[in-house]
Amino acid sequence: MGEQDRGFKADRVTRNYYCSNGHTQSPQFAAHVDEADIPEQLDCPNCGMPAGQDQDNPPVIVKHEPYKTHLAYVKERRTEEEANELLEEAVASIRERRQKLAQSAEDSTKS
């Protein structure tokens, strides 16, 4: 199979990005893309730190925030009272549903 079967291979430009943990990545960009459209920094796929094009001075995070769970984000948005209120609503809904299912099962066995 030749190029006519697989399509034309576009010209590419390779840029090297370096993170502060010593990882290197070399993504390729289309050669016709304007130099201003090529990002100065990318996230390192190995560690998640920012990676820049200057090997001697890789970018560093001034303040590194640890990974937050979904629960941590929810706790930021809701007060303890709101959380308890939502929990009570959910439990009440489940109880009501279970009672309906139990009632319908009981009615079907009587028939």
C-alpha atoms as a PDB file:
ATOM      1  CA  MET A   1       0.000   0.000   0.000  1.00  0.00           C
ATOM      2  CA  GLY A   2       1.296   3.427  -0.884  1.00  0.00           C
ATOM      3  CA  GLU A   3       0.377   6.990  -0.030  1.00  0.00           C
ATOM      4  CA  GLN A   4      -2.449   6.978  -2.572  1.00  0.00           C
ATOM      5  CA  ASP A   5      -4.148   4.210  -0.580  1.00  0.00           C
ATOM      6  CA  ARG A   6      -3.606   5.630   2.909  1.00  0.00           C
ATOM      7  CA  GLY A   7      -3.730   9.306   2.110  1.00  0.00           C
ATOM      8  CA  PHE A   8      -1.137  12.034   1.956  1.00  0.00           C
ATOM      9  CA  LYS A   9       1.163  12.376   4.966  1.00  0.00           C
ATOM     10  CA  ALA A  10       1.205  16.018   6.028  1.00  0.00           C
ATOM     11  CA  ASP A  11       4.447  17.745   6.892  1.00  0.00           C
ATOM     12  CA  ARG A  12       5.019  17.911  10.627  1.00  0.00           C
ATOM     13  CA  VAL A  13       7.045  19.842  13.162  1.00  0.00           C
ATOM     14  CA  THR A  14       8.230  18.223  16.398  1.00  0.00           C
ATOM     15  CA  ARG A  15       8.528  20.249  19.607  1.00  0.00           C
ATOM     16  CA  ASN A  16      10.139  18.920  22.776  1.00  0.00           C
ATOM     17  CA  TYR A  17       8.561  19.680  26.154  1.00  0.00           C
ATOM     18  CA  TYR A  18      10.313  19.162  29.496  1.00  0.00           C
ATOM     19  CA  CYS A  19       8.755  18.981  32.973  1.00  0.00           C
ATOM     20  CA  SER A  20      10.461  19.631  36.318  1.00  0.00           C
ATOM     21  CA  ASN A  21      10.490  15.873  37.062  1.00  0.00           C
ATOM     22  CA  GLY A  22      12.773  15.195  34.094  1.00  0.00           C
ATOM     23  CA  HIS A  23      10.163  13.776  31.725  1.00  0.00           C
ATOM     24  CA  THR A  24      10.359  14.641  28.036  1.00  0.00           C
ATOM     25  CA  GLN A  25       7.584  14.482  25.495  1.00  0.00           C
ATOM     26  CA  SER A  26       7.811  15.252  21.785  1.00  0.00           C
ATOM     27  CA  PRO A  27       4.401  15.943  20.241  1.00  0.00           C
ATOM     28  CA  GLN A  28       4.130  16.691  16.549  1.00  0.00           C
ATOM     29  CA  PHE A  29       2.202  19.566  15.032  1.00  0.00           C
ATOM     30  CA  ALA A  30       1.214  20.233  11.438  1.00  0.00           C
ATOM     31  CA  ALA A  31       3.928  22.244   9.681  1.00  0.00           C
ATOM     32  CA  HIS A  32       1.436  24.774   8.324  1.00  0.00           C
ATOM     33  CA  VAL A  33       0.262  25.744  11.827  1.00  0.00           C
ATOM     34  CA  ASP A  34       1.318  29.227  12.887  1.00  0.00           C
ATOM     35  CA  GLU A  35       4.114  29.262  15.481  1.00  0.00           C
ATOM     36  CA  ALA A  36       1.889  31.294  17.819  1.00  0.00           C
ATOM     37  CA  ASP A  37      -0.684  28.480  17.825  1.00  0.00           C
ATOM     38  CA  ILE A  38       1.785  25.928  19.191  1.00  0.00           C
ATOM     39  CA  PRO A  39       1.366  25.913  22.983  1.00  0.00           C
ATOM     40  CA  GLU A  40       4.248  27.115  25.132  1.00  0.00           C
ATOM     41  CA  GLN A  41       3.325  24.668  27.895  1.00  0.00           C
ATOM     42  CA  LEU A  42       1.605  21.294  28.047  1.00  0.00           C
ATOM     43  CA  ASP A  43       0.699  19.001  30.910  1.00  0.00           C
ATOM     44  CA  CYS A  44       3.163  16.148  31.275  1.00  0.00           C
ATOM     45  CA  PRO A  45       1.330  12.856  30.603  1.00  0.00           C
ATOM     46  CA  ASN A  46       3.574  11.053  33.107  1.00  0.00           C
ATOM     47  CA  CYS A  47       3.206  13.231  36.198  1.00  0.00           C
ATOM     48  CA  GLY A  48       0.694  15.974  35.360  1.00  0.00           C
ATOM     49  CA  MET A  49       3.171  18.795  35.995  1.00  0.00           C
ATOM     50  CA  PRO A  50       3.450  21.608  33.448  1.00  0.00           C
ATOM     51  CA  ALA A  51       6.040  21.012  30.728  1.00  0.00           C
ATOM     52  CA  GLY A  52       7.729  23.796  28.755  1.00  0.00           C
ATOM     53  CA  GLN A  53      10.030  23.975  25.753  1.00  0.00           C
ATOM     54  CA  ASP A  54      13.091  25.217  27.695  1.00  0.00           C
ATOM     55  CA  GLN A  55      14.984  22.152  28.931  1.00  0.00           C
ATOM     56  CA  ASP A  56      17.198  24.152  31.301  1.00  0.00           C
ATOM     57  CA  ASN A  57      14.265  25.967  32.947  1.00  0.00           C
ATOM     58  CA  PRO A  58      11.172  23.754  33.029  1.00  0.00           C
ATOM     59  CA  PRO A  59       8.070  25.427  34.472  1.00  0.00           C
ATOM     60  CA  VAL A  60       7.223  24.821  38.111  1.00  0.00           C
ATOM     61  CA  ILE A  61       3.966  25.200  39.969  1.00  0.00           C
ATOM     62  CA  VAL A  62       4.095  27.958  42.552  1.00  0.00           C
ATOM     63  CA  LYS A  63       1.470  26.306  44.736  1.00  0.00           C
ATOM     64  CA  HIS A  64       0.758  22.637  44.194  1.00  0.00           C
ATOM     65  CA  GLU A  65      -2.776  21.711  45.215  1.00  0.00           C
ATOM     66  CA  PRO A  66      -3.306  18.045  46.013  1.00  0.00           C
ATOM     67  CA  TYR A  67      -5.825  15.960  44.125  1.00  0.00           C
ATOM     68  CA  LYS A  68      -9.357  16.543  45.390  1.00  0.00           C
ATOM     69  CA  THR A  69     -12.014  13.894  45.448  1.00  0.00           C
ATOM     70  CA  HIS A  70     -15.571  14.475  44.323  1.00  0.00           C
ATOM     71  CA  LEU A  71     -16.586  14.561  47.981  1.00  0.00           C
ATOM     72  CA  ALA A  72     -14.090  17.348  48.705  1.00  0.00           C
ATOM     73  CA  TYR A  73     -15.579  19.503  45.945  1.00  0.00           C
ATOM     74  CA  VAL A  74     -19.099  18.811  47.213  1.00  0.00           C
ATOM     75  CA  LYS A  75     -18.069  19.805  50.751  1.00  0.00           C
ATOM     76  CA  GLU A  76     -16.764  23.108  49.387  1.00  0.00           C
ATOM     77  CA  ARG A  77     -20.185  23.907  47.905  1.00  0.00           C
ATOM     78  CA  ARG A  78     -22.474  22.657  50.666  1.00  0.00           C
ATOM     79  CA  THR A  79     -22.780  23.362  54.351  1.00  0.00           C
ATOM     80  CA  GLU A  80     -23.169  20.545  56.864  1.00  0.00           C
ATOM     81  CA  GLU A  81     -26.871  21.415  57.301  1.00  0.00           C
ATOM     82  CA  GLU A  82     -27.504  21.284  53.529  1.00  0.00           C
ATOM     83  CA  ALA A  83     -25.736  17.940  53.321  1.00  0.00           C
ATOM     84  CA  ASN A  84     -27.849  16.488  56.129  1.00  0.00           C
ATOM     85  CA  GLU A  85     -31.027  17.823  54.518  1.00  0.00           C
ATOM     86  CA  LEU A  86     -30.135  16.247  51.157  1.00  0.00           C
ATOM     87  CA  LEU A  87     -29.237  12.981  52.852  1.00  0.00           C
ATOM     88  CA  GLU A  88     -32.582  12.870  54.676  1.00  0.00           C
ATOM     89  CA  GLU A  89     -34.436  13.546  51.404  1.00  0.00           C
ATOM     90  CA  ALA A  90     -32.555  10.740  49.656  1.00  0.00           C
ATOM     91  CA  VAL A  91     -33.155   8.275  52.505  1.00  0.00           C
ATOM     92  CA  ALA A  92     -36.860   9.187  52.620  1.00  0.00           C
ATOM     93  CA  SER A  93     -37.136   8.661  48.870  1.00  0.00           C
ATOM     94  CA  ILE A  94     -35.484   5.237  49.114  1.00  0.00           C
ATOM     95  CA  ARG A  95     -37.736   4.209  52.017  1.00  0.00           C
ATOM     96  CA  GLU A  96     -40.832   5.293  50.107  1.00  0.00           C
ATOM     97  CA  ARG A  97     -39.731   3.355  47.024  1.00  0.00           C
ATOM     98  CA  ARG A  98     -39.013   0.223  49.081  1.00  0.00           C
ATOM     99  CA  GLN A  99     -42.386   0.470  50.778  1.00  0.00           C
ATOM    100  CA  LYS A 100     -44.121   0.724  47.397  1.00  0.00           C
ATOM    101  CA  LEU A 101     -42.178  -2.278  46.083  1.00  0.00           C
ATOM    102  CA  ALA A 102     -42.968  -4.294  49.188  1.00  0.00           C
ATOM    103  CA  GLN A 103     -46.645  -3.345  48.919  1.00  0.00           C
ATOM    104  CA  SER A 104     -46.824  -4.276  45.226  1.00  0.00           C
ATOM    105  CA  ALA A 105     -45.065  -7.588  45.921  1.00  0.00           C
ATOM    106  CA  GLU A 106     -47.509  -8.300  48.739  1.00  0.00           C
ATOM    107  CA  ASP A 107     -50.477  -7.426  46.484  1.00  0.00           C
ATOM    108  CA  SER A 108     -49.214  -9.695  43.714  1.00  0.00           C
ATOM    109  CA  THR A 109     -48.825 -12.669  46.071  1.00  0.00           C
ATOM    110  CA  LYS A 110     -52.403 -12.233  47.330  1.00  0.00           C
ATOM    111  CA  SER A 111     -53.805 -12.336  43.798  1.00  0.00           C
END
